[in-house]
């Protein structure tokens, strides 16, 4: 078992996710922008990056050592994202799914008869 002196510190990383038109060929759609030991600093930096509106999404990830299972855990702590875009995309997908269902029903009615 690790002593408190040998346990790793909690680490917070700030990641930005780029819009598709900003991604250069051969690169990923995300990049790490900051690493800090302070949750307040990480959230403040993430909020400042998100407020620029240059990024699709900004995430704060928390990395810590789980003593019970003797492993390092890396989890998303906070996400900054424009909710209007996400909800609009969800609405479009739901409408598309419904229209496909209706069209499929109209095509199949002559083959399977009335309901």
PDB file of N, CA and C in Angstrom:
ATOM      1  N   UNK A   1       0.843  -1.186   0.000  1.00  0.00           N
ATOM      2  CA  UNK A   1       0.000   0.000   0.000  1.00  0.00           C
ATOM      3  C   UNK A   1       0.880   1.238   0.000  1.00  0.00           C
ATOM      4  N   UNK A   2       0.490   2.249  -0.730  1.00  0.00           N
ATOM      5  CA  UNK A   2       1.270   3.471  -0.845  1.00  0.00           C
ATOM      6  C   UNK A   2       1.054   4.369   0.364  1.00  0.00           C
ATOM      7  N   UNK A   3       2.102   5.032   0.781  1.00  0.00           N
ATOM      8  CA  UNK A   3       1.953   6.038   1.831  1.00  0.00           C
ATOM      9  C   UNK A   3       1.480   7.332   1.187  1.00  0.00           C
ATOM     10  N   UNK A   4       0.968   8.251   2.000  1.00  0.00           N
ATOM     11  CA  UNK A   4       0.461   9.504   1.436  1.00  0.00           C
ATOM     12  C   UNK A   4       1.572  10.328   0.800  1.00  0.00           C
ATOM     13  N   UNK A   5       2.800  10.140   1.227  1.00  0.00           N
ATOM     14  CA  UNK A   5       3.927  10.881   0.649  1.00  0.00           C
ATOM     15  C   UNK A   5       4.263  10.381  -0.749  1.00  0.00           C
ATOM     16  N   UNK A   6       4.014   9.079  -1.029  1.00  0.00           N
ATOM     17  CA  UNK A   6       4.384   8.536  -2.340  1.00  0.00           C
ATOM     18  C   UNK A   6       3.229   8.526  -3.332  1.00  0.00           C
ATOM     19  N   UNK A   7       2.023   8.911  -2.895  1.00  0.00           N
ATOM     20  CA  UNK A   7       0.877   8.936  -3.808  1.00  0.00           C
ATOM     21  C   UNK A   7       0.989  10.104  -4.776  1.00  0.00           C
ATOM     22  N   UNK A   8       0.677   9.852  -6.046  1.00  0.00           N
ATOM     23  CA  UNK A   8       0.712  10.939  -7.024  1.00  0.00           C
ATOM     24  C   UNK A   8      -0.350  11.994  -6.719  1.00  0.00           C
ATOM     25  N   UNK A   9      -0.074  13.218  -7.094  1.00  0.00           N
ATOM     26  CA  UNK A   9      -1.016  14.330  -6.922  1.00  0.00           C
ATOM     27  C   UNK A   9      -2.151  14.211  -7.940  1.00  0.00           C
ATOM     28  N   UNK A  10      -3.269  14.839  -7.621  1.00  0.00           N
ATOM     29  CA  UNK A  10      -4.356  14.934  -8.587  1.00  0.00           C
ATOM     30  C   UNK A  10      -3.960  15.955  -9.642  1.00  0.00           C
ATOM     31  N   UNK A  11      -4.230  15.604 -10.893  1.00  0.00           N
ATOM     32  CA  UNK A  11      -3.824  16.448 -12.020  1.00  0.00           C
ATOM     33  C   UNK A  11      -5.060  16.774 -12.851  1.00  0.00           C
ATOM     34  N   UNK A  12      -5.165  18.016 -13.276  1.00  0.00           N
ATOM     35  CA  UNK A  12      -6.273  18.458 -14.114  1.00  0.00           C
ATOM     36  C   UNK A  12      -5.720  18.917 -15.457  1.00  0.00           C
ATOM     37  N   UNK A  13      -6.270  18.367 -16.546  1.00  0.00           N
ATOM     38  CA  UNK A  13      -5.839  18.723 -17.899  1.00  0.00           C
ATOM     39  C   UNK A  13      -6.981  19.400 -18.634  1.00  0.00           C
ATOM     40  N   UNK A  14      -6.656  20.391 -19.448  1.00  0.00           N
ATOM     41  CA  UNK A  14      -7.651  21.104 -20.237  1.00  0.00           C
ATOM     42  C   UNK A  14      -7.430  20.736 -21.707  1.00  0.00           C
ATOM     43  N   UNK A  15      -8.484  20.201 -22.330  1.00  0.00           N
ATOM     44  CA  UNK A  15      -8.433  19.801 -23.735  1.00  0.00           C
ATOM     45  C   UNK A  15      -9.417  20.651 -24.537  1.00  0.00           C
ATOM     46  N   UNK A  16      -9.027  20.993 -25.750  1.00  0.00           N
ATOM     47  CA  UNK A  16      -9.932  21.701 -26.664  1.00  0.00           C
ATOM     48  C   UNK A  16     -10.218  20.799 -27.855  1.00  0.00           C
ATOM     49  N   UNK A  17     -11.438  20.867 -28.342  1.00  0.00           N
ATOM     50  CA  UNK A  17     -11.859  20.104 -29.507  1.00  0.00           C
ATOM     51  C   UNK A  17     -12.148  21.092 -30.627  1.00  0.00           C
ATOM     52  N   UNK A  18     -11.464  20.907 -31.741  1.00  0.00           N
ATOM     53  CA  UNK A  18     -11.513  21.857 -32.851  1.00  0.00           C
ATOM     54  C   UNK A  18     -12.707  21.619 -33.758  1.00  0.00           C
ATOM     55  N   UNK A  19     -13.140  22.674 -34.429  1.00  0.00           N
ATOM     56  CA  UNK A  19     -14.155  22.534 -35.462  1.00  0.00           C
ATOM     57  C   UNK A  19     -13.527  21.821 -36.652  1.00  0.00           C
ATOM     58  N   UNK A  20     -14.316  21.024 -37.405  1.00  0.00           N
ATOM     59  CA  UNK A  20     -13.755  20.253 -38.527  1.00  0.00           C
ATOM     60  C   UNK A  20     -12.968  21.096 -39.531  1.00  0.00           C
ATOM     61  N   UNK A  21     -13.415  22.319 -39.804  1.00  0.00           N
ATOM     62  CA  UNK A  21     -12.715  23.148 -40.795  1.00  0.00           C
ATOM     63  C   UNK A  21     -11.355  23.645 -40.292  1.00  0.00           C
ATOM     64  N   UNK A  22     -11.104  23.540 -38.980  1.00  0.00           N
ATOM     65  CA  UNK A  22      -9.834  23.985 -38.419  1.00  0.00           C
ATOM     66  C   UNK A  22      -8.797  22.870 -38.289  1.00  0.00           C
ATOM     67  N   UNK A  23      -9.174  21.656 -38.625  1.00  0.00           N
ATOM     68  CA  UNK A  23      -8.271  20.511 -38.469  1.00  0.00           C
ATOM     69  C   UNK A  23      -7.417  20.371 -39.720  1.00  0.00           C
ATOM     70  N   UNK A  24      -6.111  20.368 -39.513  1.00  0.00           N
ATOM     71  CA  UNK A  24      -5.198  20.171 -40.637  1.00  0.00           C
ATOM     72  C   UNK A  24      -5.098  18.688 -40.960  1.00  0.00           C
ATOM     73  N   UNK A  25      -4.800  18.387 -42.186  1.00  0.00           N
ATOM     74  CA  UNK A  25      -4.685  17.007 -42.631  1.00  0.00           C
ATOM     75  C   UNK A  25      -3.647  16.261 -41.792  1.00  0.00           C
ATOM     76  N   UNK A  26      -4.023  15.091 -41.313  1.00  0.00           N
ATOM     77  CA  UNK A  26      -3.104  14.273 -40.533  1.00  0.00           C
ATOM     78  C   UNK A  26      -3.094  14.576 -39.044  1.00  0.00           C
ATOM     79  N   UNK A  27      -3.908  15.512 -38.584  1.00  0.00           N
ATOM     80  CA  UNK A  27      -3.944  15.864 -37.164  1.00  0.00           C
ATOM     81  C   UNK A  27      -5.264  15.419 -36.547  1.00  0.00           C
ATOM     82  N   UNK A  28      -5.298  15.345 -35.220  1.00  0.00           N
ATOM     83  CA  UNK A  28      -6.517  14.973 -34.517  1.00  0.00           C
ATOM     84  C   UNK A  28      -7.402  16.202 -34.313  1.00  0.00           C
ATOM     85  N   UNK A  29      -8.627  15.950 -33.876  1.00  0.00           N
ATOM     86  CA  UNK A  29      -9.572  17.055 -33.665  1.00  0.00           C
ATOM     87  C   UNK A  29      -9.487  17.639 -32.258  1.00  0.00           C
ATOM     88  N   UNK A  30      -8.521  17.206 -31.455  1.00  0.00           N
ATOM     89  CA  UNK A  30      -8.387  17.723 -30.091  1.00  0.00           C
ATOM     90  C   UNK A  30      -6.922  17.981 -29.781  1.00  0.00           C
ATOM     91  N   UNK A  31      -6.703  18.818 -28.798  1.00  0.00           N
ATOM     92  CA  UNK A  31      -5.344  19.050 -28.305  1.00  0.00           C
ATOM     93  C   UNK A  31      -5.385  19.474 -26.843  1.00  0.00           C
ATOM     94  N   UNK A  32      -4.347  19.087 -26.098  1.00  0.00           N
ATOM     95  CA  UNK A  32      -4.259  19.470 -24.696  1.00  0.00           C
ATOM     96  C   UNK A  32      -3.666  20.866 -24.627  1.00  0.00           C
ATOM     97  N   UNK A  33      -4.291  21.738 -23.825  1.00  0.00           N
ATOM     98  CA  UNK A  33      -3.836  23.119 -23.726  1.00  0.00           C
ATOM     99  C   UNK A  33      -3.197  23.463 -22.399  1.00  0.00           C
ATOM    100  N   UNK A  34      -3.525  22.726 -21.322  1.00  0.00           N
ATOM    101  CA  UNK A  34      -2.967  23.065 -20.013  1.00  0.00           C
ATOM    102  C   UNK A  34      -3.011  21.858 -19.086  1.00  0.00           C
ATOM    103  N   UNK A  35      -2.084  21.840 -18.125  1.00  0.00           N
ATOM    104  CA  UNK A  35      -2.069  20.847 -17.051  1.00  0.00           C
ATOM    105  C   UNK A  35      -1.765  21.596 -15.765  1.00  0.00           C
ATOM    106  N   UNK A  36      -2.562  21.320 -14.724  1.00  0.00           N
ATOM    107  CA  UNK A  36      -2.376  22.011 -13.450  1.00  0.00           C
ATOM    108  C   UNK A  36      -2.809  21.095 -12.312  1.00  0.00           C
ATOM    109  N   UNK A  37      -2.388  21.410 -11.121  1.00  0.00           N
ATOM    110  CA  UNK A  37      -2.800  20.676  -9.938  1.00  0.00           C
ATOM    111  C   UNK A  37      -3.993  21.301  -9.249  1.00  0.00           C
ATOM    112  N   UNK A  38      -4.469  22.436  -9.757  1.00  0.00           N
ATOM    113  CA  UNK A  38      -5.565  23.166  -9.128  1.00  0.00           C
ATOM    114  C   UNK A  38      -6.829  23.078  -9.980  1.00  0.00           C
ATOM    115  N   UNK A  39      -7.910  22.598  -9.379  1.00  0.00           N
ATOM    116  CA  UNK A  39      -9.177  22.523 -10.097  1.00  0.00           C
ATOM    117  C   UNK A  39      -9.677  23.911 -10.481  1.00  0.00           C
ATOM    118  N   UNK A  40      -9.480  24.881  -9.600  1.00  0.00           N
ATOM    119  CA  UNK A  40      -9.933  26.246  -9.902  1.00  0.00           C
ATOM    120  C   UNK A  40      -9.212  26.819 -11.113  1.00  0.00           C
ATOM    121  N   UNK A  41      -7.888  26.606 -11.193  1.00  0.00           N
ATOM    122  CA  UNK A  41      -7.124  27.090 -12.349  1.00  0.00           C
ATOM    123  C   UNK A  41      -7.581  26.397 -13.632  1.00  0.00           C
ATOM    124  N   UNK A  42      -7.787  25.087 -13.553  1.00  0.00           N
ATOM    125  CA  UNK A  42      -8.190  24.333 -14.738  1.00  0.00           C
ATOM    126  C   UNK A  42      -9.545  24.803 -15.257  1.00  0.00           C
ATOM    127  N   UNK A  43     -10.508  24.964 -14.367  1.00  0.00           N
ATOM    128  CA  UNK A  43     -11.847  25.401 -14.782  1.00  0.00           C
ATOM    129  C   UNK A  43     -11.798  26.825 -15.324  1.00  0.00           C
ATOM    130  N   UNK A  44     -11.004  27.683 -14.690  1.00  0.00           N
ATOM    131  CA  UNK A  44     -10.879  29.068 -15.153  1.00  0.00           C
ATOM    132  C   UNK A  44     -10.255  29.116 -16.556  1.00  0.00           C
ATOM    133  N   UNK A  45      -9.205  28.326 -16.781  1.00  0.00           N
ATOM    134  CA  UNK A  45      -8.576  28.294 -18.106  1.00  0.00           C
ATOM    135  C   UNK A  45      -9.537  27.719 -19.150  1.00  0.00           C
ATOM    136  N   UNK A  46     -10.274  26.671 -18.783  1.00  0.00           N
ATOM    137  CA  UNK A  46     -11.226  26.069 -19.716  1.00  0.00           C
ATOM    138  C   UNK A  46     -12.330  27.059 -20.074  1.00  0.00           C
ATOM    139  N   UNK A  47     -12.836  27.767 -19.088  1.00  0.00           N
ATOM    140  CA  UNK A  47     -13.895  28.753 -19.341  1.00  0.00           C
ATOM    141  C   UNK A  47     -13.382  29.861 -20.263  1.00  0.00           C
ATOM    142  N   UNK A  48     -12.160  30.315 -20.022  1.00  0.00           N
ATOM    143  CA  UNK A  48     -11.576  31.366 -20.864  1.00  0.00           C
ATOM    144  C   UNK A  48     -11.413  30.878 -22.306  1.00  0.00           C
ATOM    145  N   UNK A  49     -10.969  29.647 -22.497  1.00  0.00           N
ATOM    146  CA  UNK A  49     -10.830  29.092 -23.845  1.00  0.00           C
ATOM    147  C   UNK A  49     -12.190  28.946 -24.516  1.00  0.00           C
ATOM    148  N   UNK A  50     -13.185  28.467 -23.770  1.00  0.00           N
ATOM    149  CA  UNK A  50     -14.518  28.303 -24.334  1.00  0.00           C
ATOM    150  C   UNK A  50     -15.136  29.646 -24.715  1.00  0.00           C
ATOM    151  N   UNK A  51     -14.903  30.659 -23.903  1.00  0.00           N
ATOM    152  CA  UNK A  51     -15.463  31.985 -24.159  1.00  0.00           C
ATOM    153  C   UNK A  51     -14.944  32.612 -25.452  1.00  0.00           C
ATOM    154  N   UNK A  52     -13.795  32.145 -25.956  1.00  0.00           N
ATOM    155  CA  UNK A  52     -13.283  32.663 -27.227  1.00  0.00           C
ATOM    156  C   UNK A  52     -14.130  32.202 -28.407  1.00  0.00           C
ATOM    157  N   UNK A  53     -14.914  31.142 -28.222  1.00  0.00           N
ATOM    158  CA  UNK A  53     -15.743  30.533 -29.269  1.00  0.00           C
ATOM    159  C   UNK A  53     -14.914  29.996 -30.440  1.00  0.00           C
ATOM    160  N   UNK A  54     -13.627  29.761 -30.190  1.00  0.00           N
ATOM    161  CA  UNK A  54     -12.758  29.196 -31.220  1.00  0.00           C
ATOM    162  C   UNK A  54     -12.818  27.674 -31.260  1.00  0.00           C
ATOM    163  N   UNK A  55     -13.479  27.068 -30.269  1.00  0.00           N
ATOM    164  CA  UNK A  55     -13.457  25.615 -30.140  1.00  0.00           C
ATOM    165  C   UNK A  55     -14.871  25.060 -30.030  1.00  0.00           C
ATOM    166  N   UNK A  56     -15.034  23.859 -30.573  1.00  0.00           N
ATOM    167  CA  UNK A  56     -16.320  23.179 -30.526  1.00  0.00           C
ATOM    168  C   UNK A  56     -16.672  22.783 -29.091  1.00  0.00           C
ATOM    169  N   UNK A  57     -15.655  22.353 -28.347  1.00  0.00           N
ATOM    170  CA  UNK A  57     -15.869  21.887 -26.987  1.00  0.00           C
ATOM    171  C   UNK A  57     -14.568  22.032 -26.213  1.00  0.00           C
ATOM    172  N   UNK A  58     -14.674  22.287 -24.904  1.00  0.00           N
ATOM    173  CA  UNK A  58     -13.508  22.347 -24.024  1.00  0.00           C
ATOM    174  C   UNK A  58     -13.811  21.444 -22.833  1.00  0.00           C
ATOM    175  N   UNK A  59     -12.865  20.569 -22.497  1.00  0.00           N
ATOM    176  CA  UNK A  59     -13.047  19.631 -21.393  1.00  0.00           C
ATOM    177  C   UNK A  59     -11.955  19.783 -20.353  1.00  0.00           C
ATOM    178  N   UNK A  60     -12.336  19.555 -19.093  1.00  0.00           N
ATOM    179  CA  UNK A  60     -11.371  19.452 -17.998  1.00  0.00           C
ATOM    180  C   UNK A  60     -11.374  17.992 -17.580  1.00  0.00           C
ATOM    181  N   UNK A  61     -10.219  17.365 -17.625  1.00  0.00           N
ATOM    182  CA  UNK A  61     -10.088  15.965 -17.219  1.00  0.00           C
ATOM    183  C   UNK A  61      -9.340  15.894 -15.900  1.00  0.00           C
ATOM    184  N   UNK A  62      -9.780  14.990 -15.057  1.00  0.00           N
ATOM    185  CA  UNK A  62      -9.173  14.802 -13.739  1.00  0.00           C
ATOM    186  C   UNK A  62      -8.457  13.458 -13.725  1.00  0.00           C
ATOM    187  N   UNK A  63      -7.201  13.491 -13.305  1.00  0.00           N
ATOM    188  CA  UNK A  63      -6.393  12.278 -13.237  1.00  0.00           C
ATOM    189  C   UNK A  63      -5.930  12.118 -11.795  1.00  0.00           C
ATOM    190  N   UNK A  64      -6.226  10.968 -11.214  1.00  0.00           N
ATOM    191  CA  UNK A  64      -5.859  10.735  -9.813  1.00  0.00           C
ATOM    192  C   UNK A  64      -5.593   9.254  -9.583  1.00  0.00           C
ATOM    193  N   UNK A  65      -5.009   8.950  -8.440  1.00  0.00           N
ATOM    194  CA  UNK A  65      -4.700   7.574  -8.087  1.00  0.00           C
ATOM    195  C   UNK A  65      -5.789   7.031  -7.172  1.00  0.00           C
ATOM    196  N   UNK A  66      -6.416   5.929  -7.582  1.00  0.00           N
ATOM    197  CA  UNK A  66      -7.450   5.266  -6.791  1.00  0.00           C
ATOM    198  C   UNK A  66      -6.762   4.245  -5.890  1.00  0.00           C
ATOM    199  N   UNK A  67      -6.707   4.565  -4.605  1.00  0.00           N
ATOM    200  CA  UNK A  67      -5.994   3.715  -3.647  1.00  0.00           C
ATOM    201  C   UNK A  67      -6.642   2.340  -3.534  1.00  0.00           C
ATOM    202  N   UNK A  68      -7.964   2.301  -3.527  1.00  0.00           N
ATOM    203  CA  UNK A  68      -8.687   1.041  -3.340  1.00  0.00           C
ATOM    204  C   UNK A  68      -8.322   0.007  -4.393  1.00  0.00           C
ATOM    205  N   UNK A  69      -8.208   0.440  -5.660  1.00  0.00           N
ATOM    206  CA  UNK A  69      -7.907  -0.477  -6.758  1.00  0.00           C
ATOM    207  C   UNK A  69      -6.469  -0.363  -7.258  1.00  0.00           C
ATOM    208  N   UNK A  70      -5.672   0.474  -6.623  1.00  0.00           N
ATOM    209  CA  UNK A  70      -4.262   0.678  -6.996  1.00  0.00           C
ATOM    210  C   UNK A  70      -4.101   0.952  -8.490  1.00  0.00           C
ATOM    211  N   UNK A  71      -4.819   1.960  -8.955  1.00  0.00           N
ATOM    212  CA  UNK A  71      -4.735   2.305 -10.381  1.00  0.00           C
ATOM    213  C   UNK A  71      -4.932   3.806 -10.565  1.00  0.00           C
ATOM    214  N   UNK A  72      -4.488   4.292 -11.682  1.00  0.00           N
ATOM    215  CA  UNK A  72      -4.678   5.695 -12.038  1.00  0.00           C
ATOM    216  C   UNK A  72      -5.987   5.814 -12.807  1.00  0.00           C
ATOM    217  N   UNK A  73      -6.809   6.778 -12.428  1.00  0.00           N
ATOM    218  CA  UNK A  73      -8.095   7.014 -13.071  1.00  0.00           C
ATOM    219  C   UNK A  73      -8.016   8.351 -13.803  1.00  0.00           C
ATOM    220  N   UNK A  74      -8.453   8.351 -15.059  1.00  0.00           N
ATOM    221  CA  UNK A  74      -8.487   9.564 -15.875  1.00  0.00           C
ATOM    222  C   UNK A  74      -9.928   9.737 -16.336  1.00  0.00           C
ATOM    223  N   UNK A  75     -10.623  10.753 -15.810  1.00  0.00           N
ATOM    224  CA  UNK A  75     -12.043  10.919 -16.103  1.00  0.00           C
ATOM    225  C   UNK A  75     -12.343  12.366 -16.474  1.00  0.00           C
ATOM    226  N   UNK A  76     -13.371  12.546 -17.293  1.00  0.00           N
ATOM    227  CA  UNK A  76     -13.825  13.892 -17.639  1.00  0.00           C
ATOM    228  C   UNK A  76     -14.508  14.502 -16.420  1.00  0.00           C
ATOM    229  N   UNK A  77     -14.045  15.685 -16.026  1.00  0.00           N
ATOM    230  CA  UNK A  77     -14.557  16.368 -14.836  1.00  0.00           C
ATOM    231  C   UNK A  77     -15.626  17.395 -15.204  1.00  0.00           C
ATOM    232  N   UNK A  78     -15.371  18.184 -16.247  1.00  0.00           N
ATOM    233  CA  UNK A  78     -16.309  19.244 -16.652  1.00  0.00           C
ATOM    234  C   UNK A  78     -16.194  19.462 -18.152  1.00  0.00           C
ATOM    235  N   UNK A  79     -17.336  19.739 -18.788  1.00  0.00           N
ATOM    236  CA  UNK A  79     -17.390  19.965 -20.230  1.00  0.00           C
ATOM    237  C   UNK A  79     -18.041  21.314 -20.498  1.00  0.00           C
ATOM    238  N   UNK A  80     -17.407  22.117 -21.349  1.00  0.00           N
ATOM    239  CA  UNK A  80     -17.975  23.376 -21.831  1.00  0.00           C
ATOM    240  C   UNK A  80     -18.319  23.154 -23.299  1.00  0.00           C
ATOM    241  N   UNK A  81     -19.616  23.267 -23.619  1.00  0.00           N
ATOM    242  CA  UNK A  81     -20.059  23.015 -24.981  1.00  0.00           C
ATOM    243  C   UNK A  81     -21.313  23.830 -25.237  1.00  0.00           C
ATOM    244  N   UNK A  82     -21.462  24.307 -26.452  1.00  0.00           N
ATOM    245  CA  UNK A  82     -22.646  25.070 -26.819  1.00  0.00           C
ATOM    246  C   UNK A  82     -23.826  24.117 -26.890  1.00  0.00           C
ATOM    247  N   UNK A  83     -24.719  24.200 -25.931  1.00  0.00           N
ATOM    248  CA  UNK A  83     -25.850  23.275 -25.835  1.00  0.00           C
ATOM    249  C   UNK A  83     -26.828  23.443 -26.993  1.00  0.00           C
ATOM    250  N   UNK A  84     -26.931  24.641 -27.528  1.00  0.00           N
ATOM    251  CA  UNK A  84     -27.865  24.852 -28.632  1.00  0.00           C
ATOM    252  C   UNK A  84     -27.480  24.018 -29.841  1.00  0.00           C
ATOM    253  N   UNK A  85     -26.208  23.921 -30.137  1.00  0.00           N
ATOM    254  CA  UNK A  85     -25.786  23.102 -31.275  1.00  0.00           C
ATOM    255  C   UNK A  85     -26.088  21.639 -31.029  1.00  0.00           C
ATOM    256  N   UNK A  86     -25.803  21.158 -29.828  1.00  0.00           N
ATOM    257  CA  UNK A  86     -26.030  19.753 -29.518  1.00  0.00           C
ATOM    258  C   UNK A  86     -27.515  19.419 -29.593  1.00  0.00           C
ATOM    259  N   UNK A  87     -28.376  20.275 -29.049  1.00  0.00           N
ATOM    260  CA  UNK A  87     -29.805  19.982 -29.051  1.00  0.00           C
ATOM    261  C   UNK A  87     -30.378  20.086 -30.470  1.00  0.00           C
ATOM    262  N   UNK A  88     -29.878  21.016 -31.248  1.00  0.00           N
ATOM    263  CA  UNK A  88     -30.344  21.137 -32.632  1.00  0.00           C
ATOM    264  C   UNK A  88     -29.966  19.890 -33.421  1.00  0.00           C
ATOM    265  N   UNK A  89     -28.752  19.395 -33.217  1.00  0.00           N
ATOM    266  CA  UNK A  89     -28.302  18.191 -33.907  1.00  0.00           C
ATOM    267  C   UNK A  89     -29.162  16.998 -33.480  1.00  0.00           C
ATOM    268  N   UNK A  90     -29.505  16.913 -32.204  1.00  0.00           N
ATOM    269  CA  UNK A  90     -30.349  15.830 -31.711  1.00  0.00           C
ATOM    270  C   UNK A  90     -31.731  15.902 -32.332  1.00  0.00           C
ATOM    271  N   UNK A  91     -32.261  17.106 -32.451  1.00  0.00           N
ATOM    272  CA  UNK A  91     -33.586  17.278 -33.059  1.00  0.00           C
ATOM    273  C   UNK A  91     -33.569  16.860 -34.524  1.00  0.00           C
ATOM    274  N   UNK A  92     -32.541  17.232 -35.236  1.00  0.00           N
ATOM    275  CA  UNK A  92     -32.426  16.862 -36.655  1.00  0.00           C
ATOM    276  C   UNK A  92     -32.324  15.346 -36.794  1.00  0.00           C
ATOM    277  N   UNK A  93     -31.543  14.717 -35.930  1.00  0.00           N
ATOM    278  CA  UNK A  93     -31.397  13.264 -36.001  1.00  0.00           C
ATOM    279  C   UNK A  93     -32.722  12.565 -35.683  1.00  0.00           C
ATOM    280  N   UNK A  94     -33.466  13.065 -34.701  1.00  0.00           N
ATOM    281  CA  UNK A  94     -34.762  12.474 -34.363  1.00  0.00           C
ATOM    282  C   UNK A  94     -35.740  12.628 -35.528  1.00  0.00           C
ATOM    283  N   UNK A  95     -35.759  13.808 -36.148  1.00  0.00           N
ATOM    284  CA  UNK A  95     -36.636  14.047 -37.285  1.00  0.00           C
ATOM    285  C   UNK A  95     -36.263  13.161 -38.467  1.00  0.00           C
ATOM    286  N   UNK A  96     -34.979  13.001 -38.705  1.00  0.00           N
ATOM    287  CA  UNK A  96     -34.507  12.133 -39.779  1.00  0.00           C
ATOM    288  C   UNK A  96     -34.911  10.684 -39.516  1.00  0.00           C
ATOM    289  N   UNK A  97     -34.756  10.238 -38.287  1.00  0.00           N
ATOM    290  CA  UNK A  97     -35.143   8.873 -37.933  1.00  0.00           C
ATOM    291  C   UNK A  97     -36.633   8.646 -38.121  1.00  0.00           C
ATOM    292  N   UNK A  98     -37.440   9.611 -37.694  1.00  0.00           N
ATOM    293  CA  UNK A  98     -38.888   9.502 -37.846  1.00  0.00           C
ATOM    294  C   UNK A  98     -39.287   9.467 -39.312  1.00  0.00           C
ATOM    295  N   UNK A  99     -38.668  10.327 -40.120  1.00  0.00           N
ATOM    296  CA  UNK A  99     -39.025  10.354 -41.538  1.00  0.00           C
ATOM    297  C   UNK A  99     -38.612   9.058 -42.234  1.00  0.00           C
ATOM    298  N   UNK A 100     -37.481   8.476 -41.857  1.00  0.00           N
ATOM    299  CA  UNK A 100     -37.074   7.185 -42.429  1.00  0.00           C
ATOM    300  C   UNK A 100     -38.068   6.097 -42.057  1.00  0.00           C
ATOM    301  N   UNK A 101     -38.544   6.120 -40.813  1.00  0.00           N
ATOM    302  CA  UNK A 101     -39.520   5.137 -40.354  1.00  0.00           C
ATOM    303  C   UNK A 101     -40.813   5.255 -41.148  1.00  0.00           C
ATOM    304  N   UNK A 102     -41.299   6.481 -41.334  1.00  0.00           N
ATOM    305  CA  UNK A 102     -42.538   6.712 -42.088  1.00  0.00           C
ATOM    306  C   UNK A 102     -42.360   6.289 -43.537  1.00  0.00           C
ATOM    307  N   UNK A 103     -41.260   6.661 -44.160  1.00  0.00           N
ATOM    308  CA  UNK A 103     -41.013   6.293 -45.567  1.00  0.00           C
ATOM    309  C   UNK A 103     -40.926   4.787 -45.728  1.00  0.00           C
ATOM    310  N   UNK A 104     -40.249   4.136 -44.817  1.00  0.00           N
ATOM    311  CA  UNK A 104     -40.129   2.680 -44.877  1.00  0.00           C
ATOM    312  C   UNK A 104     -41.506   2.041 -44.740  1.00  0.00           C
ATOM    313  N   UNK A 105     -42.332   2.588 -43.847  1.00  0.00           N
ATOM    314  CA  UNK A 105     -43.694   2.084 -43.684  1.00  0.00           C
ATOM    315  C   UNK A 105     -44.510   2.238 -44.953  1.00  0.00           C
ATOM    316  N   UNK A 106     -44.377   3.392 -45.617  1.00  0.00           N
ATOM    317  CA  UNK A 106     -45.124   3.626 -46.852  1.00  0.00           C
ATOM    318  C   UNK A 106     -44.670   2.699 -47.970  1.00  0.00           C
ATOM    319  N   UNK A 107     -43.411   2.379 -47.985  1.00  0.00           N
ATOM    320  CA  UNK A 107     -42.886   1.482 -49.020  1.00  0.00           C
ATOM    321  C   UNK A 107     -43.328   0.044 -48.770  1.00  0.00           C
ATOM    322  N   UNK A 108     -43.381  -0.369 -47.515  1.00  0.00           N
ATOM    323  CA  UNK A 108     -43.685  -1.761 -47.182  1.00  0.00           C
ATOM    324  C   UNK A 108     -45.176  -2.091 -47.128  1.00  0.00           C
ATOM    325  N   UNK A 109     -46.044  -1.075 -47.001  1.00  0.00           N
ATOM    326  CA  UNK A 109     -47.491  -1.325 -46.885  1.00  0.00           C
ATOM    327  C   UNK A 109     -48.020  -2.188 -48.028  1.00  0.00           C
ATOM    328  N   UNK A 110     -47.671  -1.931 -49.295  1.00  0.00           N
ATOM    329  CA  UNK A 110     -48.203  -2.787 -50.370  1.00  0.00           C
ATOM    330  C   UNK A 110     -47.758  -4.250 -50.243  1.00  0.00           C
ATOM    331  N   UNK A 111     -46.615  -4.501 -49.622  1.00  0.00           N
ATOM    332  CA  UNK A 111     -46.088  -5.859 -49.541  1.00  0.00           C
ATOM    333  C   UNK A 111     -46.625  -6.632 -48.335  1.00  0.00           C
ATOM    334  N   UNK A 112     -46.923  -5.945 -47.247  1.00  0.00           N
ATOM    335  CA  UNK A 112     -47.362  -6.658 -46.044  1.00  0.00           C
ATOM    336  C   UNK A 112     -48.832  -6.409 -45.725  1.00  0.00           C
ATOM    337  N   UNK A 113     -49.499  -5.619 -46.509  1.00  0.00           N
ATOM    338  CA  UNK A 113     -50.901  -5.353 -46.290  1.00  0.00           C
ATOM    339  C   UNK A 113     -51.123  -4.283 -45.240  1.00  0.00           C
ATOM    340  N   UNK A 114     -52.367  -4.064 -44.930  1.00  0.00           N
ATOM    341  CA  UNK A 114     -52.724  -3.049 -43.938  1.00  0.00           C
ATOM    342  C   UNK A 114     -52.355  -3.494 -42.537  1.00  0.00           C
ATOM    343  N   UNK A 115     -52.272  -2.555 -41.660  1.00  0.00           N
ATOM    344  CA  UNK A 115     -51.901  -2.863 -40.278  1.00  0.00           C
ATOM    345  C   UNK A 115     -53.104  -3.244 -39.520  1.00  0.00           C
TER     346      UNK A 115
END
